[in-house]
């Protein structure tokens, strides 16, 4: 999995939609043992059905894969988050070619393993700004959507700030329920992925990695 993860990355200052044969598929990306580096183990939140096996736009900071999902970084309602625009690589890349003026975006948060049936359908929202829509605008939209869901989930958890590992990643990694909790500092957005809806439209979502 270490090799697959590396090949899925698109490190550099100007991320763009990429079609890479080495990018892991929705099924293969979770079948191998998670990589371990510097005493940190990396686990991927499962992809939704129908995920494009080759489309991946990596999220990097100074060339290093992963953006922490911290509230001080991504909370708020701004269409272009200031921290994301200044910190994450390639945020000024224009995506008007990918999403023409007047286009409606289909976006969705990542679903955790404990959600066998999504509670909300993919949502189409008007692209804003209509002209000059950047990679930073899309990442802001996805990160805010994901953080709002995380806040809702932890609000009803036992300690109000963490969730059982099995509910996030699943039970196939040899970690028993009740032995490991996941907090927001363990969550990182490592890429933007997409899946195809039943109407044939591409819907974009964040790929989440749990680092423990």
N, C-alpha and C. Protein backbone atom coordinates (compact mmCIF):
# COMPACT_ATOMS: atom_id res chain seq x y z
N UNK A 1 0.83 -1.20 0.00
CA UNK A 1 0.00 0.00 0.00
C UNK A 1 0.86 1.25 0.00
N UNK A 2 2.08 1.13 0.57
CA UNK A 2 2.96 2.28 0.56
C UNK A 2 3.23 2.72 -0.87
N UNK A 3 3.47 1.76 -1.77
CA UNK A 3 3.74 2.08 -3.16
C UNK A 3 2.52 2.69 -3.83
N UNK A 4 1.33 2.13 -3.56
CA UNK A 4 0.12 2.65 -4.18
C UNK A 4 -0.16 4.07 -3.73
N UNK A 5 0.06 4.33 -2.44
CA UNK A 5 -0.21 5.67 -1.93
C UNK A 5 0.71 6.68 -2.59
N UNK A 6 1.99 6.32 -2.72
CA UNK A 6 2.93 7.24 -3.32
C UNK A 6 2.57 7.55 -4.76
N UNK A 7 2.12 6.54 -5.50
CA UNK A 7 1.79 6.75 -6.90
C UNK A 7 0.53 7.56 -7.07
N UNK A 8 -0.31 7.60 -6.05
CA UNK A 8 -1.54 8.38 -6.14
C UNK A 8 -1.29 9.85 -5.90
N UNK A 9 -0.12 10.20 -5.38
CA UNK A 9 0.17 11.57 -5.04
C UNK A 9 0.51 12.38 -6.28
N UNK A 10 0.17 13.66 -6.24
CA UNK A 10 0.54 14.58 -7.30
C UNK A 10 1.20 15.76 -6.62
N UNK A 11 2.41 15.51 -6.08
CA UNK A 11 3.10 16.56 -5.33
C UNK A 11 3.59 17.63 -6.28
N UNK A 12 3.57 18.89 -5.81
CA UNK A 12 4.03 19.99 -6.63
C UNK A 12 3.21 21.22 -6.37
N UNK A 13 3.62 22.35 -6.89
CA UNK A 13 2.98 23.61 -6.57
C UNK A 13 1.68 23.86 -7.30
N UNK A 14 1.35 23.07 -8.31
CA UNK A 14 0.16 23.37 -9.10
C UNK A 14 -0.65 22.11 -9.35
N UNK A 15 -1.45 21.67 -8.37
CA UNK A 15 -2.26 20.47 -8.58
C UNK A 15 -3.24 20.67 -9.73
N UNK A 16 -3.53 19.61 -10.42
CA UNK A 16 -4.50 19.63 -11.50
C UNK A 16 -5.09 18.25 -11.62
N UNK A 17 -6.26 18.12 -12.24
CA UNK A 17 -6.83 16.78 -12.41
C UNK A 17 -5.84 15.88 -13.14
N UNK A 18 -5.63 14.70 -12.59
CA UNK A 18 -4.66 13.80 -13.20
C UNK A 18 -5.29 12.44 -13.44
N UNK A 19 -4.84 11.78 -14.46
CA UNK A 19 -5.24 10.42 -14.75
C UNK A 19 -3.98 9.57 -14.66
N UNK A 20 -3.81 8.87 -13.54
CA UNK A 20 -2.59 8.12 -13.32
C UNK A 20 -2.91 6.64 -13.15
N UNK A 21 -2.21 5.80 -13.91
CA UNK A 21 -2.48 4.37 -13.84
C UNK A 21 -2.14 3.80 -12.47
N UNK A 22 -1.23 4.46 -11.73
CA UNK A 22 -0.81 3.93 -10.45
C UNK A 22 -1.73 4.28 -9.31
N UNK A 23 -2.72 5.12 -9.54
CA UNK A 23 -3.62 5.53 -8.48
C UNK A 23 -4.45 4.36 -8.01
N UNK A 24 -4.58 4.12 -6.70
CA UNK A 24 -5.31 2.95 -6.21
C UNK A 24 -6.79 3.03 -6.52
N UNK A 25 -7.38 1.88 -6.76
CA UNK A 25 -8.82 1.82 -6.99
C UNK A 25 -9.54 1.82 -5.66
N UNK A 26 -10.87 1.97 -5.72
CA UNK A 26 -11.66 2.02 -4.49
C UNK A 26 -11.52 0.75 -3.69
N UNK A 27 -11.32 -0.38 -4.35
CA UNK A 27 -11.20 -1.64 -3.62
C UNK A 27 -9.77 -1.94 -3.23
N UNK A 28 -8.81 -1.75 -4.14
CA UNK A 28 -7.43 -2.12 -3.86
C UNK A 28 -6.78 -1.23 -2.84
N UNK A 29 -7.25 0.02 -2.69
CA UNK A 29 -6.59 0.95 -1.79
C UNK A 29 -6.76 0.57 -0.34
N UNK A 30 -7.66 -0.35 -0.02
CA UNK A 30 -7.89 -0.72 1.36
C UNK A 30 -7.57 -2.19 1.64
N UNK A 31 -7.03 -2.91 0.65
CA UNK A 31 -6.83 -4.33 0.79
C UNK A 31 -5.48 -4.69 1.41
N UNK A 32 -4.47 -3.81 1.30
CA UNK A 32 -3.14 -4.09 1.79
C UNK A 32 -2.96 -3.53 3.19
N UNK A 33 -1.97 -4.04 3.94
CA UNK A 33 -1.70 -3.48 5.27
C UNK A 33 -1.36 -2.00 5.17
N UNK A 34 -1.81 -1.19 6.12
CA UNK A 34 -1.53 0.25 6.07
C UNK A 34 -0.05 0.51 6.27
N UNK A 35 0.49 1.56 5.62
CA UNK A 35 1.91 1.87 5.77
C UNK A 35 2.20 2.43 7.16
N UNK A 36 3.41 2.16 7.65
CA UNK A 36 3.85 2.69 8.94
C UNK A 36 5.10 3.53 8.71
N UNK A 37 5.13 4.74 9.24
CA UNK A 37 6.27 5.62 9.07
C UNK A 37 6.42 6.46 10.32
N UNK A 38 7.64 6.45 10.87
CA UNK A 38 7.92 7.26 12.06
C UNK A 38 6.91 6.98 13.17
N UNK A 39 6.60 5.70 13.37
CA UNK A 39 5.69 5.25 14.42
C UNK A 39 4.25 5.73 14.22
N UNK A 40 3.94 6.22 13.04
CA UNK A 40 2.57 6.62 12.71
C UNK A 40 2.03 5.66 11.66
N UNK A 41 0.81 5.17 11.88
CA UNK A 41 0.18 4.28 10.91
C UNK A 41 -0.91 5.05 10.18
N UNK A 42 -1.01 4.82 8.88
CA UNK A 42 -1.94 5.56 8.03
C UNK A 42 -3.06 4.64 7.56
N UNK A 43 -4.29 5.04 7.83
CA UNK A 43 -5.46 4.27 7.41
C UNK A 43 -6.36 5.17 6.54
N UNK A 44 -6.92 4.58 5.50
CA UNK A 44 -7.81 5.33 4.61
C UNK A 44 -9.27 5.07 4.95
N UNK A 45 -10.05 6.14 4.99
CA UNK A 45 -11.49 6.00 5.11
C UNK A 45 -12.01 5.40 3.80
N UNK A 46 -12.86 4.38 3.85
CA UNK A 46 -13.33 3.71 2.62
C UNK A 46 -13.97 4.69 1.62
N UNK A 47 -13.77 4.40 0.35
CA UNK A 47 -14.37 5.22 -0.71
C UNK A 47 -15.84 4.82 -0.93
N UNK A 48 -16.65 5.75 -1.42
CA UNK A 48 -18.03 5.39 -1.78
C UNK A 48 -18.04 4.51 -3.03
N UNK A 49 -19.11 3.75 -3.25
CA UNK A 49 -19.21 2.94 -4.46
C UNK A 49 -19.11 3.80 -5.72
N UNK A 50 -18.49 3.26 -6.74
CA UNK A 50 -18.40 3.97 -8.01
C UNK A 50 -17.29 4.99 -8.09
N UNK A 51 -16.35 4.98 -7.12
CA UNK A 51 -15.25 5.94 -7.15
C UNK A 51 -14.38 5.71 -8.38
N UNK A 52 -14.03 6.80 -9.06
CA UNK A 52 -13.15 6.74 -10.22
C UNK A 52 -11.79 6.20 -9.76
N UNK A 53 -11.32 5.08 -10.33
CA UNK A 53 -10.08 4.48 -9.86
C UNK A 53 -8.82 5.22 -10.25
N UNK A 54 -8.90 6.19 -11.18
CA UNK A 54 -7.69 6.85 -11.65
C UNK A 54 -7.65 8.36 -11.41
N UNK A 55 -8.79 8.95 -11.08
CA UNK A 55 -8.79 10.41 -10.84
C UNK A 55 -8.38 10.69 -9.40
N UNK A 56 -7.32 11.47 -9.23
CA UNK A 56 -6.87 11.86 -7.89
C UNK A 56 -6.08 13.15 -7.99
N UNK A 57 -6.45 14.14 -7.18
CA UNK A 57 -5.70 15.39 -7.10
C UNK A 57 -5.19 15.50 -5.67
N UNK A 58 -3.89 15.35 -5.48
CA UNK A 58 -3.31 15.30 -4.15
C UNK A 58 -3.38 16.66 -3.47
N UNK A 59 -3.52 16.64 -2.15
CA UNK A 59 -3.51 17.83 -1.32
C UNK A 59 -2.17 17.84 -0.58
N UNK A 60 -1.32 18.81 -0.89
CA UNK A 60 0.02 18.86 -0.30
C UNK A 60 0.30 20.24 0.30
N UNK A 61 1.16 20.25 1.31
CA UNK A 61 1.65 21.48 1.91
C UNK A 61 3.17 21.45 1.84
N UNK A 62 3.74 22.36 1.06
CA UNK A 62 5.18 22.37 0.80
C UNK A 62 5.65 21.00 0.31
N UNK A 63 4.85 20.40 -0.53
CA UNK A 63 5.19 19.12 -1.14
C UNK A 63 4.91 17.90 -0.29
N UNK A 64 4.45 18.08 0.94
CA UNK A 64 4.17 16.96 1.83
C UNK A 64 2.68 16.64 1.78
N UNK A 65 2.36 15.37 1.58
CA UNK A 65 0.97 14.95 1.40
C UNK A 65 0.16 15.13 2.69
N UNK A 66 -1.02 15.74 2.56
CA UNK A 66 -1.95 15.80 3.67
C UNK A 66 -2.18 17.18 4.23
N UNK A 67 -3.46 17.50 4.49
CA UNK A 67 -3.86 18.75 5.13
C UNK A 67 -4.62 18.41 6.40
N UNK A 68 -4.17 18.85 7.57
CA UNK A 68 -4.89 18.55 8.81
C UNK A 68 -6.26 19.19 8.83
N UNK A 69 -7.24 18.44 9.31
CA UNK A 69 -8.61 18.95 9.33
C UNK A 69 -8.88 19.61 10.69
N UNK A 70 -8.20 20.73 10.93
CA UNK A 70 -8.31 21.44 12.20
C UNK A 70 -9.29 22.59 12.07
N UNK A 71 -10.11 22.85 13.09
CA UNK A 71 -11.13 23.89 13.00
C UNK A 71 -10.56 25.28 12.77
N UNK A 72 -9.39 25.57 13.36
CA UNK A 72 -8.82 26.90 13.18
C UNK A 72 -8.37 27.12 11.74
N UNK A 73 -8.23 26.04 10.99
CA UNK A 73 -7.80 26.14 9.60
C UNK A 73 -8.95 26.22 8.62
N UNK A 74 -10.02 25.45 8.86
CA UNK A 74 -11.03 25.29 7.80
C UNK A 74 -12.44 25.65 8.22
N UNK A 75 -12.68 26.02 9.47
CA UNK A 75 -14.04 26.38 9.86
C UNK A 75 -14.42 27.72 9.25
N UNK A 76 -15.71 28.00 9.24
CA UNK A 76 -16.21 29.25 8.66
C UNK A 76 -17.00 28.98 7.39
N UNK A 77 -17.42 30.07 6.74
CA UNK A 77 -18.27 29.95 5.56
C UNK A 77 -17.69 30.66 4.34
N UNK A 78 -16.45 31.10 4.42
CA UNK A 78 -15.84 31.79 3.30
C UNK A 78 -15.74 30.86 2.09
N UNK A 79 -15.97 31.40 0.90
CA UNK A 79 -15.88 30.58 -0.31
C UNK A 79 -14.42 30.18 -0.61
N UNK A 80 -13.48 30.99 -0.14
CA UNK A 80 -12.06 30.66 -0.28
C UNK A 80 -11.41 30.89 1.08
N UNK A 81 -11.14 29.80 1.78
CA UNK A 81 -10.55 29.88 3.11
C UNK A 81 -9.16 30.49 3.04
N UNK A 82 -8.89 31.48 3.89
CA UNK A 82 -7.61 32.19 3.85
C UNK A 82 -6.44 31.27 4.15
N UNK A 83 -6.59 30.42 5.16
CA UNK A 83 -5.49 29.52 5.51
C UNK A 83 -5.19 28.55 4.39
N UNK A 84 -6.24 27.98 3.78
CA UNK A 84 -6.05 27.06 2.66
C UNK A 84 -5.36 27.77 1.50
N UNK A 85 -5.81 28.98 1.18
CA UNK A 85 -5.26 29.72 0.05
C UNK A 85 -3.77 30.02 0.24
N UNK A 86 -3.36 30.28 1.48
CA UNK A 86 -1.97 30.66 1.75
C UNK A 86 -1.06 29.46 2.00
N UNK A 87 -1.63 28.33 2.44
CA UNK A 87 -0.80 27.25 2.95
C UNK A 87 -0.72 26.04 2.03
N UNK A 88 -1.83 25.65 1.43
CA UNK A 88 -1.86 24.44 0.61
C UNK A 88 -1.34 24.75 -0.79
N UNK A 89 -0.56 23.83 -1.34
CA UNK A 89 0.07 24.05 -2.64
C UNK A 89 -0.96 24.21 -3.75
N UNK A 90 -0.70 25.15 -4.66
CA UNK A 90 -1.45 25.25 -5.90
C UNK A 90 -2.86 25.79 -5.78
N UNK A 91 -3.15 26.57 -4.76
CA UNK A 91 -4.52 27.02 -4.54
C UNK A 91 -5.01 28.03 -5.57
N UNK A 92 -4.11 28.64 -6.32
CA UNK A 92 -4.52 29.64 -7.31
C UNK A 92 -4.81 29.02 -8.67
N UNK A 93 -4.61 27.72 -8.82
CA UNK A 93 -4.86 27.08 -10.11
C UNK A 93 -6.32 27.22 -10.49
N UNK A 94 -6.56 27.77 -11.68
CA UNK A 94 -7.92 28.03 -12.15
C UNK A 94 -8.56 26.76 -12.68
N UNK A 95 -9.80 26.50 -12.24
CA UNK A 95 -10.52 25.30 -12.65
C UNK A 95 -11.72 25.62 -13.54
N UNK A 96 -11.73 26.80 -14.15
CA UNK A 96 -12.86 27.14 -15.02
C UNK A 96 -12.97 26.21 -16.21
N UNK A 97 -11.84 25.66 -16.66
CA UNK A 97 -11.88 24.73 -17.79
C UNK A 97 -12.56 23.43 -17.38
N UNK A 98 -12.30 23.00 -16.14
CA UNK A 98 -12.93 21.78 -15.63
C UNK A 98 -14.40 22.02 -15.30
N UNK A 99 -14.69 23.22 -14.78
CA UNK A 99 -16.06 23.57 -14.40
C UNK A 99 -16.43 24.89 -15.08
N UNK A 100 -17.02 24.85 -16.28
CA UNK A 100 -17.32 26.07 -17.04
C UNK A 100 -18.27 26.99 -16.29
N UNK A 101 -18.30 28.30 -16.67
CA UNK A 101 -19.26 29.24 -16.08
C UNK A 101 -20.69 28.74 -16.20
N UNK A 102 -21.46 28.91 -15.13
CA UNK A 102 -22.82 28.43 -15.10
C UNK A 102 -22.95 26.99 -14.65
N UNK A 103 -21.82 26.33 -14.43
CA UNK A 103 -21.81 24.93 -14.04
C UNK A 103 -22.24 24.76 -12.58
N UNK A 104 -22.94 23.68 -12.32
CA UNK A 104 -23.28 23.31 -10.95
C UNK A 104 -22.35 22.19 -10.51
N UNK A 105 -21.76 22.35 -9.33
CA UNK A 105 -20.84 21.35 -8.81
C UNK A 105 -21.59 20.32 -7.99
N UNK A 106 -21.21 19.07 -8.16
CA UNK A 106 -21.73 18.01 -7.31
C UNK A 106 -20.63 17.67 -6.32
N UNK A 107 -20.90 17.90 -5.04
CA UNK A 107 -19.89 17.64 -4.00
C UNK A 107 -20.51 16.81 -2.89
N UNK A 108 -19.65 16.10 -2.19
CA UNK A 108 -20.11 15.26 -1.08
C UNK A 108 -18.97 15.07 -0.11
N UNK A 109 -19.27 14.96 1.16
CA UNK A 109 -18.25 14.62 2.15
C UNK A 109 -17.90 13.14 2.02
N UNK A 110 -16.79 12.75 2.66
CA UNK A 110 -16.45 11.34 2.76
C UNK A 110 -17.39 10.68 3.76
N UNK A 111 -17.77 9.44 3.50
CA UNK A 111 -18.62 8.68 4.42
C UNK A 111 -17.77 7.78 5.29
N UNK A 112 -18.06 7.75 6.58
CA UNK A 112 -17.32 6.89 7.49
C UNK A 112 -17.85 5.47 7.41
N UNK A 113 -17.05 4.52 7.90
CA UNK A 113 -17.36 3.10 7.75
C UNK A 113 -18.66 2.70 8.43
N UNK A 114 -19.07 3.43 9.46
CA UNK A 114 -20.29 3.09 10.19
C UNK A 114 -21.55 3.55 9.47
N UNK A 115 -21.40 4.13 8.28
CA UNK A 115 -22.55 4.62 7.51
C UNK A 115 -22.76 3.74 6.29
N UNK A 116 -23.41 2.59 6.45
CA UNK A 116 -23.62 1.71 5.29
C UNK A 116 -24.50 2.33 4.23
N UNK A 117 -25.42 3.19 4.67
CA UNK A 117 -26.29 3.90 3.73
C UNK A 117 -26.14 5.39 3.98
N UNK A 118 -25.65 6.15 3.00
CA UNK A 118 -25.46 7.58 3.20
C UNK A 118 -26.76 8.26 3.65
N UNK A 119 -26.63 9.14 4.63
CA UNK A 119 -27.81 9.83 5.14
C UNK A 119 -28.21 11.01 4.26
N UNK A 120 -27.26 11.51 3.48
CA UNK A 120 -27.56 12.63 2.61
C UNK A 120 -27.09 12.31 1.20
N UNK A 121 -27.83 12.75 0.21
CA UNK A 121 -27.46 12.51 -1.18
C UNK A 121 -26.42 13.53 -1.62
N UNK A 122 -25.64 13.20 -2.66
CA UNK A 122 -24.73 14.21 -3.21
C UNK A 122 -25.49 15.47 -3.57
N UNK A 123 -24.88 16.60 -3.30
CA UNK A 123 -25.58 17.87 -3.47
C UNK A 123 -24.95 18.69 -4.58
N UNK A 124 -25.80 19.25 -5.43
CA UNK A 124 -25.32 20.14 -6.48
C UNK A 124 -25.45 21.59 -6.01
N UNK A 125 -24.36 22.33 -6.11
CA UNK A 125 -24.35 23.73 -5.73
C UNK A 125 -23.77 24.55 -6.88
N UNK A 126 -24.23 25.75 -7.03
CA UNK A 126 -23.74 26.61 -8.10
C UNK A 126 -22.28 26.97 -7.86
N UNK A 127 -21.51 26.91 -8.90
CA UNK A 127 -20.08 27.25 -8.79
C UNK A 127 -19.93 28.73 -8.48
N UNK A 128 -19.25 29.04 -7.37
CA UNK A 128 -19.02 30.42 -6.98
C UNK A 128 -17.56 30.60 -6.59
N UNK A 129 -16.88 31.58 -7.20
CA UNK A 129 -17.38 32.51 -8.20
C UNK A 129 -17.62 31.83 -9.54
N UNK A 130 -18.49 32.41 -10.34
CA UNK A 130 -18.84 31.80 -11.62
C UNK A 130 -17.63 31.76 -12.55
N UNK A 131 -16.80 32.81 -12.50
CA UNK A 131 -15.56 32.87 -13.28
C UNK A 131 -14.41 33.09 -12.30
N UNK A 132 -13.31 32.38 -12.51
CA UNK A 132 -12.19 32.48 -11.59
C UNK A 132 -12.25 31.47 -10.47
N UNK A 133 -12.96 30.39 -10.71
CA UNK A 133 -13.08 29.32 -9.71
C UNK A 133 -11.77 28.55 -9.67
N UNK A 134 -11.19 28.45 -8.48
CA UNK A 134 -9.87 27.84 -8.35
C UNK A 134 -9.93 26.51 -7.60
N UNK A 135 -8.78 25.84 -7.61
CA UNK A 135 -8.59 24.62 -6.82
C UNK A 135 -8.86 24.92 -5.35
N UNK A 136 -8.48 26.13 -4.89
CA UNK A 136 -8.70 26.52 -3.50
C UNK A 136 -10.18 26.63 -3.15
N UNK A 137 -11.00 27.11 -4.07
CA UNK A 137 -12.44 27.20 -3.84
C UNK A 137 -13.04 25.81 -3.65
N UNK A 138 -12.62 24.85 -4.48
CA UNK A 138 -13.17 23.50 -4.38
C UNK A 138 -12.73 22.84 -3.07
N UNK A 139 -11.46 22.97 -2.72
CA UNK A 139 -10.98 22.36 -1.49
C UNK A 139 -11.64 23.00 -0.26
N UNK A 140 -11.85 24.30 -0.29
CA UNK A 140 -12.55 24.96 0.81
C UNK A 140 -13.94 24.38 0.99
N UNK A 141 -14.66 24.23 -0.11
CA UNK A 141 -16.02 23.70 -0.07
C UNK A 141 -16.05 22.29 0.52
N UNK A 142 -15.14 21.44 0.09
CA UNK A 142 -15.12 20.06 0.56
C UNK A 142 -14.67 19.97 2.02
N UNK A 143 -13.65 20.75 2.38
CA UNK A 143 -13.15 20.71 3.76
C UNK A 143 -14.19 21.20 4.75
N UNK A 144 -14.90 22.27 4.41
CA UNK A 144 -15.93 22.79 5.31
C UNK A 144 -17.08 21.80 5.45
N UNK A 145 -17.45 21.16 4.35
CA UNK A 145 -18.52 20.17 4.40
C UNK A 145 -18.13 19.00 5.31
N UNK A 146 -16.87 18.55 5.18
CA UNK A 146 -16.40 17.43 5.98
C UNK A 146 -16.30 17.81 7.46
N UNK A 147 -15.83 19.01 7.74
CA UNK A 147 -15.68 19.41 9.13
C UNK A 147 -17.04 19.58 9.81
N UNK A 148 -18.02 20.11 9.11
CA UNK A 148 -19.36 20.24 9.70
C UNK A 148 -19.91 18.87 10.10
N UNK A 149 -19.68 17.87 9.26
CA UNK A 149 -20.14 16.52 9.60
C UNK A 149 -19.38 15.97 10.80
N UNK A 150 -18.07 16.18 10.84
CA UNK A 150 -17.28 15.71 11.98
C UNK A 150 -17.79 16.35 13.28
N UNK A 151 -18.09 17.62 13.24
CA UNK A 151 -18.61 18.32 14.42
C UNK A 151 -19.94 17.73 14.86
N UNK A 152 -20.79 17.38 13.90
CA UNK A 152 -22.08 16.77 14.24
C UNK A 152 -21.89 15.39 14.86
N UNK A 153 -20.94 14.61 14.33
CA UNK A 153 -20.70 13.27 14.85
C UNK A 153 -20.15 13.32 16.27
N UNK A 154 -19.17 14.17 16.51
CA UNK A 154 -18.54 14.22 17.84
C UNK A 154 -19.46 14.84 18.88
N UNK A 155 -20.41 15.64 18.45
CA UNK A 155 -21.33 16.27 19.40
C UNK A 155 -22.12 15.22 20.19
N UNK A 156 -22.37 14.07 19.57
CA UNK A 156 -23.14 13.02 20.24
C UNK A 156 -22.26 11.87 20.74
N UNK A 157 -20.93 12.03 20.64
CA UNK A 157 -20.03 10.96 21.10
C UNK A 157 -19.88 11.01 22.62
N UNK A 158 -19.26 9.96 23.16
CA UNK A 158 -19.16 9.83 24.62
C UNK A 158 -18.39 10.98 25.25
N UNK A 159 -17.28 11.41 24.62
CA UNK A 159 -16.47 12.47 25.19
C UNK A 159 -16.62 13.81 24.49
N UNK A 160 -17.45 13.84 23.44
CA UNK A 160 -17.70 15.09 22.73
C UNK A 160 -16.59 15.56 21.82
N UNK A 161 -15.56 14.72 21.61
CA UNK A 161 -14.45 15.17 20.78
C UNK A 161 -13.79 14.07 19.96
N UNK A 162 -14.20 12.81 20.15
CA UNK A 162 -13.56 11.72 19.41
C UNK A 162 -14.59 10.66 19.05
N UNK A 163 -14.18 9.77 18.12
CA UNK A 163 -15.06 8.71 17.61
C UNK A 163 -14.26 7.41 17.60
N UNK A 164 -14.94 6.30 17.83
CA UNK A 164 -14.26 5.00 17.81
C UNK A 164 -13.66 4.75 16.43
N UNK A 165 -12.43 4.24 16.42
CA UNK A 165 -11.70 3.97 15.18
C UNK A 165 -12.52 3.10 14.21
N UNK A 166 -13.17 2.07 14.74
CA UNK A 166 -13.93 1.14 13.89
C UNK A 166 -15.06 1.87 13.16
N UNK A 167 -15.65 2.87 13.78
CA UNK A 167 -16.74 3.62 13.14
C UNK A 167 -16.23 4.50 12.00
N UNK A 168 -14.96 4.85 12.03
CA UNK A 168 -14.39 5.71 11.00
C UNK A 168 -13.81 4.90 9.84
N UNK A 169 -12.98 3.92 10.16
CA UNK A 169 -12.23 3.19 9.14
C UNK A 169 -12.79 1.80 8.85
N UNK A 170 -13.41 1.18 9.85
CA UNK A 170 -13.92 -0.17 9.69
C UNK A 170 -13.19 -1.15 10.59
N UNK A 171 -13.66 -2.39 10.60
CA UNK A 171 -13.12 -3.37 11.53
C UNK A 171 -12.19 -4.39 10.93
N UNK A 172 -11.61 -4.12 9.77
CA UNK A 172 -10.78 -5.11 9.08
C UNK A 172 -9.28 -4.92 9.31
N UNK A 173 -8.91 -4.10 10.28
CA UNK A 173 -7.49 -3.79 10.49
C UNK A 173 -6.94 -4.38 11.78
N UNK A 174 -7.69 -5.25 12.44
CA UNK A 174 -7.21 -5.89 13.65
C UNK A 174 -7.28 -5.02 14.89
N UNK A 175 -7.98 -3.92 14.81
CA UNK A 175 -8.15 -3.04 15.96
C UNK A 175 -9.57 -3.21 16.49
N UNK A 176 -9.70 -3.68 17.71
CA UNK A 176 -11.01 -3.98 18.28
C UNK A 176 -11.75 -2.71 18.67
N UNK A 177 -13.06 -2.79 18.55
CA UNK A 177 -13.90 -1.66 18.97
C UNK A 177 -13.63 -1.35 20.44
N UNK A 178 -13.53 -0.07 20.75
CA UNK A 178 -13.33 0.37 22.12
C UNK A 178 -11.89 0.50 22.55
N UNK A 179 -10.94 0.19 21.65
CA UNK A 179 -9.53 0.25 22.03
C UNK A 179 -8.80 1.46 21.47
N UNK A 180 -9.40 2.17 20.51
CA UNK A 180 -8.74 3.32 19.90
C UNK A 180 -9.77 4.38 19.53
N UNK A 181 -9.53 5.61 19.94
CA UNK A 181 -10.39 6.72 19.59
C UNK A 181 -9.70 7.61 18.56
N UNK A 182 -10.49 8.20 17.67
CA UNK A 182 -9.97 9.09 16.63
C UNK A 182 -10.45 10.50 16.92
N UNK A 183 -9.53 11.44 17.01
CA UNK A 183 -9.84 12.85 17.22
C UNK A 183 -9.56 13.63 15.95
N UNK A 184 -9.96 14.90 15.92
CA UNK A 184 -9.82 15.69 14.70
C UNK A 184 -8.36 15.83 14.28
N UNK A 185 -7.41 15.82 15.24
CA UNK A 185 -6.01 15.95 14.86
C UNK A 185 -5.48 14.70 14.14
N UNK A 186 -6.24 13.61 14.19
CA UNK A 186 -5.85 12.39 13.48
C UNK A 186 -6.32 12.38 12.03
N UNK A 187 -7.18 13.32 11.65
CA UNK A 187 -7.79 13.33 10.32
C UNK A 187 -7.04 14.26 9.38
N UNK A 188 -6.73 13.76 8.19
CA UNK A 188 -6.05 14.57 7.18
C UNK A 188 -6.73 14.36 5.82
N UNK A 189 -6.93 15.45 5.10
CA UNK A 189 -7.41 15.36 3.72
C UNK A 189 -6.19 15.22 2.83
N UNK A 190 -6.10 14.11 2.09
CA UNK A 190 -4.90 13.87 1.29
C UNK A 190 -5.14 13.99 -0.22
N UNK A 191 -6.40 14.05 -0.64
CA UNK A 191 -6.67 14.16 -2.07
C UNK A 191 -8.13 14.53 -2.30
N UNK A 192 -8.40 15.00 -3.49
CA UNK A 192 -9.77 15.15 -3.97
C UNK A 192 -10.04 14.02 -4.94
N UNK A 193 -11.09 13.28 -4.71
CA UNK A 193 -11.48 12.16 -5.57
C UNK A 193 -12.87 12.45 -6.14
N UNK A 194 -13.37 11.55 -6.97
CA UNK A 194 -14.71 11.72 -7.51
C UNK A 194 -15.35 10.36 -7.73
N UNK A 195 -16.67 10.33 -7.66
CA UNK A 195 -17.42 9.13 -8.01
C UNK A 195 -18.57 9.54 -8.92
N UNK A 196 -19.14 8.58 -9.59
CA UNK A 196 -20.20 8.86 -10.55
C UNK A 196 -21.55 8.57 -9.92
N UNK A 197 -22.45 9.54 -9.97
CA UNK A 197 -23.78 9.37 -9.41
C UNK A 197 -24.64 8.51 -10.34
N UNK A 198 -25.81 8.13 -9.87
CA UNK A 198 -26.70 7.31 -10.69
C UNK A 198 -27.20 8.05 -11.92
N UNK A 199 -27.04 9.40 -11.91
CA UNK A 199 -27.43 10.20 -13.07
C UNK A 199 -26.26 10.44 -14.01
N UNK A 200 -25.10 9.84 -13.70
CA UNK A 200 -23.95 9.94 -14.58
C UNK A 200 -23.09 11.17 -14.36
N UNK A 201 -23.34 11.93 -13.31
CA UNK A 201 -22.58 13.15 -13.06
C UNK A 201 -21.43 12.85 -12.09
N UNK A 202 -20.29 13.47 -12.32
CA UNK A 202 -19.17 13.29 -11.41
C UNK A 202 -19.39 14.11 -10.15
N UNK A 203 -19.17 13.47 -9.02
CA UNK A 203 -19.34 14.12 -7.72
C UNK A 203 -18.00 14.06 -6.98
N UNK A 204 -17.56 15.20 -6.48
CA UNK A 204 -16.23 15.32 -5.88
C UNK A 204 -16.31 15.21 -4.35
N UNK A 205 -15.32 14.52 -3.77
CA UNK A 205 -15.30 14.34 -2.33
C UNK A 205 -13.86 14.29 -1.82
N UNK A 206 -13.63 14.56 -0.53
CA UNK A 206 -12.27 14.51 -0.01
C UNK A 206 -11.87 13.09 0.39
N UNK A 207 -10.66 12.71 0.05
CA UNK A 207 -10.12 11.44 0.53
C UNK A 207 -9.50 11.69 1.90
N UNK A 208 -9.97 10.94 2.90
CA UNK A 208 -9.55 11.16 4.28
C UNK A 208 -8.60 10.06 4.73
N UNK A 209 -7.52 10.48 5.37
CA UNK A 209 -6.57 9.54 5.95
C UNK A 209 -6.55 9.73 7.46
N UNK A 210 -6.59 8.61 8.19
CA UNK A 210 -6.49 8.64 9.65
C UNK A 210 -5.07 8.26 10.04
N UNK A 211 -4.42 9.13 10.79
CA UNK A 211 -3.03 8.92 11.21
C UNK A 211 -2.99 8.74 12.72
N UNK A 212 -2.59 7.55 13.16
CA UNK A 212 -2.57 7.25 14.59
C UNK A 212 -1.25 6.58 14.97
